[in-house]
Amino acid sequence: VAKNFPLGQYKVVEVEAPYGYVLNPNE
């Protein structure tokens, strides 16, 4: 959870997958 974002649009990308899993490239 992340708080206090000013209103607007953001993009979220996975940069590190959990152990045993393949990185999800889709933002």
mmCIF file of all heavy atoms, coordinates in Angstrom:
data_MODEL
# 
_entry.id   MODEL 
# 
loop_
_atom_site.group_PDB 
_atom_site.id 
_atom_site.type_symbol 
_atom_site.label_atom_id 
_atom_site.label_alt_id 
_atom_site.label_comp_id 
_atom_site.label_asym_id 
_atom_site.label_entity_id 
_atom_site.label_seq_id 
_atom_site.pdbx_PDB_ins_code 
_atom_site.Cartn_x 
_atom_site.Cartn_y 
_atom_site.Cartn_z 
_atom_site.occupancy 
_atom_site.B_iso_or_equiv 
_atom_site.pdbx_formal_charge 
_atom_site.auth_seq_id 
_atom_site.auth_comp_id 
_atom_site.auth_asym_id 
_atom_site.auth_atom_id 
_atom_site.pdbx_PDB_model_num 
ATOM 1   N N   . VAL A 1 1  ? 0.840  -1.195  0.000   1.00 0.00 ? 1  VAL A N   1 
ATOM 2   C CA  . VAL A 1 1  ? 0.000  0.000   0.000   1.00 0.00 ? 1  VAL A CA  1 
ATOM 3   C C   . VAL A 1 1  ? 0.875  1.245   0.000   1.00 0.00 ? 1  VAL A C   1 
ATOM 4   O O   . VAL A 1 1  ? 1.842  1.338   0.761   1.00 0.00 ? 1  VAL A O   1 
ATOM 5   C CB  . VAL A 1 1  ? -0.941 0.015   1.223   1.00 0.00 ? 1  VAL A CB  1 
ATOM 6   C CG1 . VAL A 1 1  ? -1.804 1.275   1.215   1.00 0.00 ? 1  VAL A CG1 1 
ATOM 7   C CG2 . VAL A 1 1  ? -1.837 -1.227  1.239   1.00 0.00 ? 1  VAL A CG2 1 
ATOM 8   N N   . ALA A 1 2  ? 0.542  2.190   -0.861  1.00 0.00 ? 2  ALA A N   1 
ATOM 9   C CA  . ALA A 1 2  ? 1.210  3.493   -0.898  1.00 0.00 ? 2  ALA A CA  1 
ATOM 10  C C   . ALA A 1 2  ? 0.145  4.579   -0.799  1.00 0.00 ? 2  ALA A C   1 
ATOM 11  O O   . ALA A 1 2  ? -0.912 4.477   -1.429  1.00 0.00 ? 2  ALA A O   1 
ATOM 12  C CB  . ALA A 1 2  ? 2.027  3.662   -2.171  1.00 0.00 ? 2  ALA A CB  1 
ATOM 13  N N   . LYS A 1 3  ? 0.419  5.612   -0.012  1.00 0.00 ? 3  LYS A N   1 
ATOM 14  C CA  . LYS A 1 3  ? -0.569 6.649   0.259   1.00 0.00 ? 3  LYS A CA  1 
ATOM 15  C C   . LYS A 1 3  ? -0.089 8.013   -0.231  1.00 0.00 ? 3  LYS A C   1 
ATOM 16  O O   . LYS A 1 3  ? 1.043  8.187   -0.639  1.00 0.00 ? 3  LYS A O   1 
ATOM 17  C CB  . LYS A 1 3  ? -0.879 6.696   1.754   1.00 0.00 ? 3  LYS A CB  1 
ATOM 18  C CG  . LYS A 1 3  ? -1.407 5.384   2.330   1.00 0.00 ? 3  LYS A CG  1 
ATOM 19  C CD  . LYS A 1 3  ? -1.682 5.501   3.822   1.00 0.00 ? 3  LYS A CD  1 
ATOM 20  C CE  . LYS A 1 3  ? -2.233 4.204   4.391   1.00 0.00 ? 3  LYS A CE  1 
ATOM 21  N NZ  . LYS A 1 3  ? -2.522 4.310   5.845   1.00 0.00 ? 3  LYS A NZ  1 
ATOM 22  N N   . ASN A 1 4  ? -1.035 8.957   -0.172  1.00 0.00 ? 4  ASN A N   1 
ATOM 23  C CA  . ASN A 1 4  ? -0.760 10.376  -0.422  1.00 0.00 ? 4  ASN A CA  1 
ATOM 24  C C   . ASN A 1 4  ? -0.267 10.666  -1.840  1.00 0.00 ? 4  ASN A C   1 
ATOM 25  O O   . ASN A 1 4  ? 0.645  11.473  -2.041  1.00 0.00 ? 4  ASN A O   1 
ATOM 26  C CB  . ASN A 1 4  ? 0.236  10.915  0.607   1.00 0.00 ? 4  ASN A CB  1 
ATOM 27  C CG  . ASN A 1 4  ? -0.312 10.852  2.024   1.00 0.00 ? 4  ASN A CG  1 
ATOM 28  O OD1 . ASN A 1 4  ? -1.481 11.133  2.270   1.00 0.00 ? 4  ASN A OD1 1 
ATOM 29  N ND2 . ASN A 1 4  ? 0.542  10.462  2.965   1.00 0.00 ? 4  ASN A ND2 1 
ATOM 30  N N   . PHE A 1 5  ? -0.895 10.022  -2.822  1.00 0.00 ? 5  PHE A N   1 
ATOM 31  C CA  . PHE A 1 5  ? -0.615 10.365  -4.209  1.00 0.00 ? 5  PHE A CA  1 
ATOM 32  C C   . PHE A 1 5  ? -1.422 11.600  -4.599  1.00 0.00 ? 5  PHE A C   1 
ATOM 33  O O   . PHE A 1 5  ? -2.650 11.617  -4.435  1.00 0.00 ? 5  PHE A O   1 
ATOM 34  C CB  . PHE A 1 5  ? -1.002 9.219   -5.149  1.00 0.00 ? 5  PHE A CB  1 
ATOM 35  C CG  . PHE A 1 5  ? -0.075 8.038   -5.112  1.00 0.00 ? 5  PHE A CG  1 
ATOM 36  C CD1 . PHE A 1 5  ? -0.359 6.935   -4.338  1.00 0.00 ? 5  PHE A CD1 1 
ATOM 37  C CD2 . PHE A 1 5  ? 1.083  8.039   -5.859  1.00 0.00 ? 5  PHE A CD2 1 
ATOM 38  C CE1 . PHE A 1 5  ? 0.492  5.839   -4.299  1.00 0.00 ? 5  PHE A CE1 1 
ATOM 39  C CE2 . PHE A 1 5  ? 1.941  6.953   -5.842  1.00 0.00 ? 5  PHE A CE2 1 
ATOM 40  C CZ  . PHE A 1 5  ? 1.648  5.853   -5.058  1.00 0.00 ? 5  PHE A CZ  1 
ATOM 41  N N   . PRO A 1 6  ? -0.792 12.635  -5.141  1.00 0.00 ? 6  PRO A N   1 
ATOM 42  C CA  . PRO A 1 6  ? -1.574 13.712  -5.735  1.00 0.00 ? 6  PRO A CA  1 
ATOM 43  C C   . PRO A 1 6  ? -2.450 13.163  -6.857  1.00 0.00 ? 6  PRO A C   1 
ATOM 44  O O   . PRO A 1 6  ? -2.068 12.203  -7.542  1.00 0.00 ? 6  PRO A O   1 
ATOM 45  C CB  . PRO A 1 6  ? -0.503 14.664  -6.277  1.00 0.00 ? 6  PRO A CB  1 
ATOM 46  C CG  . PRO A 1 6  ? 0.735  14.347  -5.502  1.00 0.00 ? 6  PRO A CG  1 
ATOM 47  C CD  . PRO A 1 6  ? 0.664  12.876  -5.202  1.00 0.00 ? 6  PRO A CD  1 
ATOM 48  N N   . LEU A 1 7  ? -3.616 13.756  -7.046  1.00 0.00 ? 7  LEU A N   1 
ATOM 49  C CA  . LEU A 1 7  ? -4.544 13.243  -8.043  1.00 0.00 ? 7  LEU A CA  1 
ATOM 50  C C   . LEU A 1 7  ? -3.925 13.319  -9.434  1.00 0.00 ? 7  LEU A C   1 
ATOM 51  O O   . LEU A 1 7  ? -3.234 14.264  -9.788  1.00 0.00 ? 7  LEU A O   1 
ATOM 52  C CB  . LEU A 1 7  ? -5.857 14.019  -7.993  1.00 0.00 ? 7  LEU A CB  1 
ATOM 53  C CG  . LEU A 1 7  ? -6.590 14.019  -6.646  1.00 0.00 ? 7  LEU A CG  1 
ATOM 54  C CD1 . LEU A 1 7  ? -7.971 14.666  -6.785  1.00 0.00 ? 7  LEU A CD1 1 
ATOM 55  C CD2 . LEU A 1 7  ? -6.718 12.630  -6.063  1.00 0.00 ? 7  LEU A CD2 1 
ATOM 56  N N   . GLY A 1 8  ? -4.191 12.271  -10.230 1.00 0.00 ? 8  GLY A N   1 
ATOM 57  C CA  . GLY A 1 8  ? -3.644 12.172  -11.572 1.00 0.00 ? 8  GLY A CA  1 
ATOM 58  C C   . GLY A 1 8  ? -3.484 10.717  -11.973 1.00 0.00 ? 8  GLY A C   1 
ATOM 59  O O   . GLY A 1 8  ? -3.963 9.803   -11.284 1.00 0.00 ? 8  GLY A O   1 
ATOM 60  N N   . GLN A 1 9  ? -2.788 10.506  -13.075 1.00 0.00 ? 9  GLN A N   1 
ATOM 61  C CA  . GLN A 1 9  ? -2.609 9.153   -13.607 1.00 0.00 ? 9  GLN A CA  1 
ATOM 62  C C   . GLN A 1 9  ? -1.177 8.671   -13.387 1.00 0.00 ? 9  GLN A C   1 
ATOM 63  O O   . GLN A 1 9  ? -0.216 9.417   -13.595 1.00 0.00 ? 9  GLN A O   1 
ATOM 64  C CB  . GLN A 1 9  ? -2.945 9.097   -15.099 1.00 0.00 ? 9  GLN A CB  1 
ATOM 65  C CG  . GLN A 1 9  ? -2.971 7.688   -15.673 1.00 0.00 ? 9  GLN A CG  1 
ATOM 66  C CD  . GLN A 1 9  ? -3.371 7.646   -17.129 1.00 0.00 ? 9  GLN A CD  1 
ATOM 67  O OE1 . GLN A 1 9  ? -2.609 8.050   -18.000 1.00 0.00 ? 9  GLN A OE1 1 
ATOM 68  N NE2 . GLN A 1 9  ? -4.569 7.143   -17.407 1.00 0.00 ? 9  GLN A NE2 1 
ATOM 69  N N   . TYR A 1 10 ? -1.052 7.387   -13.019 1.00 0.00 ? 10 TYR A N   1 
ATOM 70  C CA  . TYR A 1 10 ? 0.230  6.776   -12.747 1.00 0.00 ? 10 TYR A CA  1 
ATOM 71  C C   . TYR A 1 10 ? 0.313  5.421   -13.449 1.00 0.00 ? 10 TYR A C   1 
ATOM 72  O O   . TYR A 1 10 ? -0.716 4.811   -13.767 1.00 0.00 ? 10 TYR A O   1 
ATOM 73  C CB  . TYR A 1 10 ? 0.433  6.578   -11.239 1.00 0.00 ? 10 TYR A CB  1 
ATOM 74  C CG  . TYR A 1 10 ? 0.384  7.867   -10.449 1.00 0.00 ? 10 TYR A CG  1 
ATOM 75  C CD1 . TYR A 1 10 ? -0.832 8.420   -10.043 1.00 0.00 ? 10 TYR A CD1 1 
ATOM 76  C CD2 . TYR A 1 10 ? 1.548  8.537   -10.090 1.00 0.00 ? 10 TYR A CD2 1 
ATOM 77  C CE1 . TYR A 1 10 ? -0.881 9.605   -9.329  1.00 0.00 ? 10 TYR A CE1 1 
ATOM 78  C CE2 . TYR A 1 10 ? 1.508  9.714   -9.357  1.00 0.00 ? 10 TYR A CE2 1 
ATOM 79  C CZ  . TYR A 1 10 ? 0.285  10.241  -8.988  1.00 0.00 ? 10 TYR A CZ  1 
ATOM 80  O OH  . TYR A 1 10 ? 0.252  11.411  -8.272  1.00 0.00 ? 10 TYR A OH  1 
ATOM 81  N N   . LYS A 1 11 ? 1.536  4.964   -13.687 1.00 0.00 ? 11 LYS A N   1 
ATOM 82  C CA  . LYS A 1 11 ? 1.734  3.611   -14.205 1.00 0.00 ? 11 LYS A CA  1 
ATOM 83  C C   . LYS A 1 11 ? 2.556  2.814   -13.204 1.00 0.00 ? 11 LYS A C   1 
ATOM 84  O O   . LYS A 1 11 ? 3.450  3.339   -12.538 1.00 0.00 ? 11 LYS A O   1 
ATOM 85  C CB  . LYS A 1 11 ? 2.401  3.621   -15.580 1.00 0.00 ? 11 LYS A CB  1 
ATOM 86  C CG  . LYS A 1 11 ? 3.840  4.058   -15.600 1.00 0.00 ? 11 LYS A CG  1 
ATOM 87  C CD  . LYS A 1 11 ? 4.443  3.915   -17.001 1.00 0.00 ? 11 LYS A CD  1 
ATOM 88  C CE  . LYS A 1 11 ? 5.922  4.290   -17.033 1.00 0.00 ? 11 LYS A CE  1 
ATOM 89  N NZ  . LYS A 1 11 ? 6.497  4.147   -18.398 1.00 0.00 ? 11 LYS A NZ  1 
ATOM 90  N N   . VAL A 1 12 ? 2.221  1.531   -13.112 1.00 0.00 ? 12 VAL A N   1 
ATOM 91  C CA  . VAL A 1 12 ? 2.851  0.631   -12.144 1.00 0.00 ? 12 VAL A CA  1 
ATOM 92  C C   . VAL A 1 12 ? 3.507  -0.513  -12.919 1.00 0.00 ? 12 VAL A C   1 
ATOM 93  O O   . VAL A 1 12 ? 2.862  -1.141  -13.768 1.00 0.00 ? 12 VAL A O   1 
ATOM 94  C CB  . VAL A 1 12 ? 1.825  0.087   -11.139 1.00 0.00 ? 12 VAL A CB  1 
ATOM 95  C CG1 . VAL A 1 12 ? 2.506  -0.783  -10.085 1.00 0.00 ? 12 VAL A CG1 1 
ATOM 96  C CG2 . VAL A 1 12 ? 1.062  1.228   -10.472 1.00 0.00 ? 12 VAL A CG2 1 
ATOM 97  N N   . VAL A 1 13 ? 4.774  -0.769  -12.621 1.00 0.00 ? 13 VAL A N   1 
ATOM 98  C CA  . VAL A 1 13 ? 5.494  -1.849  -13.287 1.00 0.00 ? 13 VAL A CA  1 
ATOM 99  C C   . VAL A 1 13 ? 6.156  -2.736  -12.232 1.00 0.00 ? 13 VAL A C   1 
ATOM 100 O O   . VAL A 1 13 ? 6.621  -2.268  -11.201 1.00 0.00 ? 13 VAL A O   1 
ATOM 101 C CB  . VAL A 1 13 ? 6.565  -1.310  -14.266 1.00 0.00 ? 13 VAL A CB  1 
ATOM 102 C CG1 . VAL A 1 13 ? 5.924  -0.548  -15.404 1.00 0.00 ? 13 VAL A CG1 1 
ATOM 103 C CG2 . VAL A 1 13 ? 7.568  -0.411  -13.546 1.00 0.00 ? 13 VAL A CG2 1 
ATOM 104 N N   . GLU A 1 14 ? 6.157  -4.029  -12.512 1.00 0.00 ? 14 GLU A N   1 
ATOM 105 C CA  . GLU A 1 14 ? 6.844  -4.972  -11.642 1.00 0.00 ? 14 GLU A CA  1 
ATOM 106 C C   . GLU A 1 14 ? 8.319  -5.000  -12.024 1.00 0.00 ? 14 GLU A C   1 
ATOM 107 O O   . GLU A 1 14 ? 8.661  -5.171  -13.203 1.00 0.00 ? 14 GLU A O   1 
ATOM 108 C CB  . GLU A 1 14 ? 6.235  -6.367  -11.764 1.00 0.00 ? 14 GLU A CB  1 
ATOM 109 C CG  . GLU A 1 14 ? 6.838  -7.379  -10.787 1.00 0.00 ? 14 GLU A CG  1 
ATOM 110 C CD  . GLU A 1 14 ? 6.201  -8.758  -10.897 1.00 0.00 ? 14 GLU A CD  1 
ATOM 111 O OE1 . GLU A 1 14 ? 5.505  -9.020  -11.896 1.00 0.00 ? 14 GLU A OE1 1 
ATOM 112 O OE2 . GLU A 1 14 ? 6.395  -9.584  -9.988  1.00 0.00 ? 14 GLU A OE2 1 
ATOM 113 N N   . VAL A 1 15 ? 9.193  -4.824  -11.050 1.00 0.00 ? 15 VAL A N   1 
ATOM 114 C CA  . VAL A 1 15 ? 10.629 -4.813  -11.318 1.00 0.00 ? 15 VAL A CA  1 
ATOM 115 C C   . VAL A 1 15 ? 11.344 -5.997  -10.682 1.00 0.00 ? 15 VAL A C   1 
ATOM 116 O O   . VAL A 1 15 ? 12.491 -6.289  -11.034 1.00 0.00 ? 15 VAL A O   1 
ATOM 117 C CB  . VAL A 1 15 ? 11.275 -3.494  -10.843 1.00 0.00 ? 15 VAL A CB  1 
ATOM 118 C CG1 . VAL A 1 15 ? 10.750 -2.329  -11.651 1.00 0.00 ? 15 VAL A CG1 1 
ATOM 119 C CG2 . VAL A 1 15 ? 11.041 -3.249  -9.349  1.00 0.00 ? 15 VAL A CG2 1 
ATOM 120 N N   . GLU A 1 16 ? 10.698 -6.681  -9.771  1.00 0.00 ? 16 GLU A N   1 
ATOM 121 C CA  . GLU A 1 16 ? 11.311 -7.846  -9.143  1.00 0.00 ? 16 GLU A CA  1 
ATOM 122 C C   . GLU A 1 16 ? 10.216 -8.836  -8.762  1.00 0.00 ? 16 GLU A C   1 
ATOM 123 O O   . GLU A 1 16 ? 9.304  -8.517  -7.997  1.00 0.00 ? 16 GLU A O   1 
ATOM 124 C CB  . GLU A 1 16 ? 12.094 -7.424  -7.899  1.00 0.00 ? 16 GLU A CB  1 
ATOM 125 C CG  . GLU A 1 16 ? 12.938 -8.521  -7.279  1.00 0.00 ? 16 GLU A CG  1 
ATOM 126 C CD  . GLU A 1 16 ? 13.790 -8.026  -6.145  1.00 0.00 ? 16 GLU A CD  1 
ATOM 127 O OE1 . GLU A 1 16 ? 14.420 -6.956  -6.313  1.00 0.00 ? 16 GLU A OE1 1 
ATOM 128 O OE2 . GLU A 1 16 ? 13.838 -8.692  -5.084  1.00 0.00 ? 16 GLU A OE2 1 
ATOM 129 N N   . ALA A 1 17 ? 10.315 -10.037 -9.342  1.00 0.00 ? 17 ALA A N   1 
ATOM 130 C CA  . ALA A 1 17 ? 9.321  -11.075 -9.073  1.00 0.00 ? 17 ALA A CA  1 
ATOM 131 C C   . ALA A 1 17 ? 9.648  -11.807 -7.778  1.00 0.00 ? 17 ALA A C   1 
ATOM 132 O O   . ALA A 1 17 ? 10.811 -11.860 -7.364  1.00 0.00 ? 17 ALA A O   1 
ATOM 133 C CB  . ALA A 1 17 ? 9.258  -12.062 -10.226 1.00 0.00 ? 17 ALA A CB  1 
ATOM 134 N N   . PRO A 1 18 ? 8.633  -12.392 -7.128  1.00 0.00 ? 18 PRO A N   1 
ATOM 135 C CA  . PRO A 1 18 ? 8.912  -13.217 -5.944  1.00 0.00 ? 18 PRO A CA  1 
ATOM 136 C C   . PRO A 1 18 ? 9.736  -14.444 -6.330  1.00 0.00 ? 18 PRO A C   1 
ATOM 137 O O   . PRO A 1 18 ? 9.754  -14.851 -7.499  1.00 0.00 ? 18 PRO A O   1 
ATOM 138 C CB  . PRO A 1 18 ? 7.507  -13.624 -5.460  1.00 0.00 ? 18 PRO A CB  1 
ATOM 139 C CG  . PRO A 1 18 ? 6.561  -12.705 -6.145  1.00 0.00 ? 18 PRO A CG  1 
ATOM 140 C CD  . PRO A 1 18 ? 7.190  -12.320 -7.431  1.00 0.00 ? 18 PRO A CD  1 
ATOM 141 N N   . TYR A 1 19 ? 10.385 -15.037 -5.335  1.00 0.00 ? 19 TYR A N   1 
ATOM 142 C CA  . TYR A 1 19 ? 11.178 -16.246 -5.565  1.00 0.00 ? 19 TYR A CA  1 
ATOM 143 C C   . TYR A 1 19 ? 10.311 -17.329 -6.187  1.00 0.00 ? 19 TYR A C   1 
ATOM 144 O O   . TYR A 1 19 ? 9.218  -17.638 -5.709  1.00 0.00 ? 19 TYR A O   1 
ATOM 145 C CB  . TYR A 1 19 ? 11.790 -16.746 -4.258  1.00 0.00 ? 19 TYR A CB  1 
ATOM 146 C CG  . TYR A 1 19 ? 12.635 -17.995 -4.413  1.00 0.00 ? 19 TYR A CG  1 
ATOM 147 C CD1 . TYR A 1 19 ? 13.996 -17.894 -4.685  1.00 0.00 ? 19 TYR A CD1 1 
ATOM 148 C CD2 . TYR A 1 19 ? 12.072 -19.259 -4.316  1.00 0.00 ? 19 TYR A CD2 1 
ATOM 149 C CE1 . TYR A 1 19 ? 14.780 -19.032 -4.857  1.00 0.00 ? 19 TYR A CE1 1 
ATOM 150 C CE2 . TYR A 1 19 ? 12.833 -20.410 -4.480  1.00 0.00 ? 19 TYR A CE2 1 
ATOM 151 C CZ  . TYR A 1 19 ? 14.183 -20.285 -4.742  1.00 0.00 ? 19 TYR A CZ  1 
ATOM 152 O OH  . TYR A 1 19 ? 14.933 -21.427 -4.924  1.00 0.00 ? 19 TYR A OH  1 
ATOM 153 N N   . GLY A 1 20 ? 10.805 -17.899 -7.282  1.00 0.00 ? 20 GLY A N   1 
ATOM 154 C CA  . GLY A 1 20 ? 10.108 -18.995 -7.932  1.00 0.00 ? 20 GLY A CA  1 
ATOM 155 C C   . GLY A 1 20 ? 9.168  -18.572 -9.041  1.00 0.00 ? 20 GLY A C   1 
ATOM 156 O O   . GLY A 1 20 ? 8.528  -19.430 -9.659  1.00 0.00 ? 20 GLY A O   1 
ATOM 157 N N   . TYR A 1 21 ? 9.112  -17.260 -9.352  1.00 0.00 ? 21 TYR A N   1 
ATOM 158 C CA  . TYR A 1 21 ? 8.142  -16.775 -10.320 1.00 0.00 ? 21 TYR A CA  1 
ATOM 159 C C   . TYR A 1 21 ? 8.814  -15.954 -11.419 1.00 0.00 ? 21 TYR A C   1 
ATOM 160 O O   . TYR A 1 21 ? 9.920  -15.444 -11.262 1.00 0.00 ? 21 TYR A O   1 
ATOM 161 C CB  . TYR A 1 21 ? 7.056  -15.949 -9.626  1.00 0.00 ? 21 TYR A CB  1 
ATOM 162 C CG  . TYR A 1 21 ? 6.191  -16.789 -8.719  1.00 0.00 ? 21 TYR A CG  1 
ATOM 163 C CD1 . TYR A 1 21 ? 6.608  -17.080 -7.420  1.00 0.00 ? 21 TYR A CD1 1 
ATOM 164 C CD2 . TYR A 1 21 ? 5.005  -17.333 -9.162  1.00 0.00 ? 21 TYR A CD2 1 
ATOM 165 C CE1 . TYR A 1 21 ? 5.850  -17.878 -6.587  1.00 0.00 ? 21 TYR A CE1 1 
ATOM 166 C CE2 . TYR A 1 21 ? 4.227  -18.133 -8.332  1.00 0.00 ? 21 TYR A CE2 1 
ATOM 167 C CZ  . TYR A 1 21 ? 4.661  -18.401 -7.050  1.00 0.00 ? 21 TYR A CZ  1 
ATOM 168 O OH  . TYR A 1 21 ? 3.897  -19.205 -6.237  1.00 0.00 ? 21 TYR A OH  1 
ATOM 169 N N   . VAL A 1 22 ? 8.096  -15.857 -12.528 1.00 0.00 ? 22 VAL A N   1 
ATOM 170 C CA  . VAL A 1 22 ? 8.588  -15.143 -13.699 1.00 0.00 ? 22 VAL A CA  1 
ATOM 171 C C   . VAL A 1 22 ? 8.059  -13.715 -13.660 1.00 0.00 ? 22 VAL A C   1 
ATOM 172 O O   . VAL A 1 22 ? 6.888  -13.473 -13.361 1.00 0.00 ? 22 VAL A O   1 
ATOM 173 C CB  . VAL A 1 22 ? 8.149  -15.841 -14.995 1.00 0.00 ? 22 VAL A CB  1 
ATOM 174 C CG1 . VAL A 1 22 ? 8.681  -15.094 -16.215 1.00 0.00 ? 22 VAL A CG1 1 
ATOM 175 C CG2 . VAL A 1 22 ? 8.623  -17.291 -15.007 1.00 0.00 ? 22 VAL A CG2 1 
ATOM 176 N N   . LEU A 1 23 ? 8.907  -12.754 -13.972 1.00 0.00 ? 23 LEU A N   1 
ATOM 177 C CA  . LEU A 1 23 ? 8.535  -11.348 -13.959 1.00 0.00 ? 23 LEU A CA  1 
ATOM 178 C C   . LEU A 1 23 ? 7.394  -11.077 -14.929 1.00 0.00 ? 23 LEU A C   1 
ATOM 179 O O   . LEU A 1 23 ? 7.399  -11.533 -16.074 1.00 0.00 ? 23 LEU A O   1 
ATOM 180 C CB  . LEU A 1 23 ? 9.745  -10.490 -14.335 1.00 0.00 ? 23 LEU A CB  1 
ATOM 181 C CG  . LEU A 1 23 ? 9.580  -8.962  -14.220 1.00 0.00 ? 23 LEU A CG  1 
ATOM 182 C CD1 . LEU A 1 23 ? 9.533  -8.558  -12.758 1.00 0.00 ? 23 LEU A CD1 1 
ATOM 183 C CD2 . LEU A 1 23 ? 10.724 -8.245  -14.931 1.00 0.00 ? 23 LEU A CD2 1 
ATOM 184 N N   . ASN A 1 24 ? 6.403  -10.319 -14.448 1.00 0.00 ? 24 ASN A N   1 
ATOM 185 C CA  . ASN A 1 24 ? 5.290  -9.903  -15.298 1.00 0.00 ? 24 ASN A CA  1 
ATOM 186 C C   . ASN A 1 24 ? 5.692  -8.623  -16.032 1.00 0.00 ? 24 ASN A C   1 
ATOM 187 O O   . ASN A 1 24 ? 5.885  -7.585  -15.415 1.00 0.00 ? 24 ASN A O   1 
ATOM 188 C CB  . ASN A 1 24 ? 4.048  -9.652  -14.443 1.00 0.00 ? 24 ASN A CB  1 
ATOM 189 C CG  . ASN A 1 24 ? 2.801  -9.397  -15.269 1.00 0.00 ? 24 ASN A CG  1 
ATOM 190 O OD1 . ASN A 1 24 ? 2.871  -8.949  -16.413 1.00 0.00 ? 24 ASN A OD1 1 
ATOM 191 N ND2 . ASN A 1 24 ? 1.637  -9.666  -14.709 1.00 0.00 ? 24 ASN A ND2 1 
ATOM 192 N N   . PRO A 1 25 ? 5.819  -8.659  -17.369 1.00 0.00 ? 25 PRO A N   1 
ATOM 193 C CA  . PRO A 1 25 ? 6.309  -7.482  -18.116 1.00 0.00 ? 25 PRO A CA  1 
ATOM 194 C C   . PRO A 1 25 ? 5.248  -6.436  -18.398 1.00 0.00 ? 25 PRO A C   1 
ATOM 195 O O   . PRO A 1 25 ? 5.555  -5.357  -18.917 1.00 0.00 ? 25 PRO A O   1 
ATOM 196 C CB  . PRO A 1 25 ? 6.818  -8.102  -19.416 1.00 0.00 ? 25 PRO A CB  1 
ATOM 197 C CG  . PRO A 1 25 ? 5.901  -9.283  -19.628 1.00 0.00 ? 25 PRO A CG  1 
ATOM 198 C CD  . PRO A 1 25 ? 5.559  -9.805  -18.257 1.00 0.00 ? 25 PRO A CD  1 
ATOM 199 N N   . ASN A 1 26 ? 3.992  -6.703  -18.071 1.00 0.00 ? 26 ASN A N   1 
ATOM 200 C CA  . ASN A 1 26 ? 2.885  -5.829  -18.439 1.00 0.00 ? 26 ASN A CA  1 
ATOM 201 C C   . ASN A 1 26 ? 2.660  -4.756  -17.386 1.00 0.00 ? 26 ASN A C   1 
ATOM 202 O O   . ASN A 1 26 ? 2.353  -5.051  -16.236 1.00 0.00 ? 26 ASN A O   1 
ATOM 203 C CB  . ASN A 1 26 ? 1.603  -6.643  -18.635 1.00 0.00 ? 26 ASN A CB  1 
ATOM 204 C CG  . ASN A 1 26 ? 1.751  -7.697  -19.714 1.00 0.00 ? 26 ASN A CG  1 
ATOM 205 O OD1 . ASN A 1 26 ? 2.300  -7.439  -20.789 1.00 0.00 ? 26 ASN A OD1 1 
ATOM 206 N ND2 . ASN A 1 26 ? 1.284  -8.909  -19.439 1.00 0.00 ? 26 ASN A ND2 1 
ATOM 207 N N   . GLU A 1 27 ? 2.819  -3.487  -17.784 1.00 0.00 ? 27 GLU A N   1 
ATOM 208 C CA  . GLU A 1 27 ? 2.523  -2.386  -16.875 1.00 0.00 ? 27 GLU A CA  1 
ATOM 209 C C   . GLU A 1 27 ? 1.030  -2.158  -16.788 1.00 0.00 ? 27 GLU A C   1 
ATOM 210 O O   . GLU A 1 27 ? 0.273  -2.504  -17.692 1.00 0.00 ? 27 GLU A O   1 
ATOM 211 C CB  . GLU A 1 27 ? 3.228  -1.110  -17.329 1.00 0.00 ? 27 GLU A CB  1 
ATOM 212 C CG  . GLU A 1 27 ? 2.700  -0.531  -18.633 1.00 0.00 ? 27 GLU A CG  1 
ATOM 213 C CD  . GLU A 1 27 ? 3.386  0.757   -19.020 1.00 0.00 ? 27 GLU A CD  1 
ATOM 214 O OE1 . GLU A 1 27 ? 4.619  0.855   -18.858 1.00 0.00 ? 27 GLU A OE1 1 
ATOM 215 O OE2 . GLU A 1 27 ? 2.691  1.663   -19.516 1.00 0.00 ? 27 GLU A OE2 1 
# 
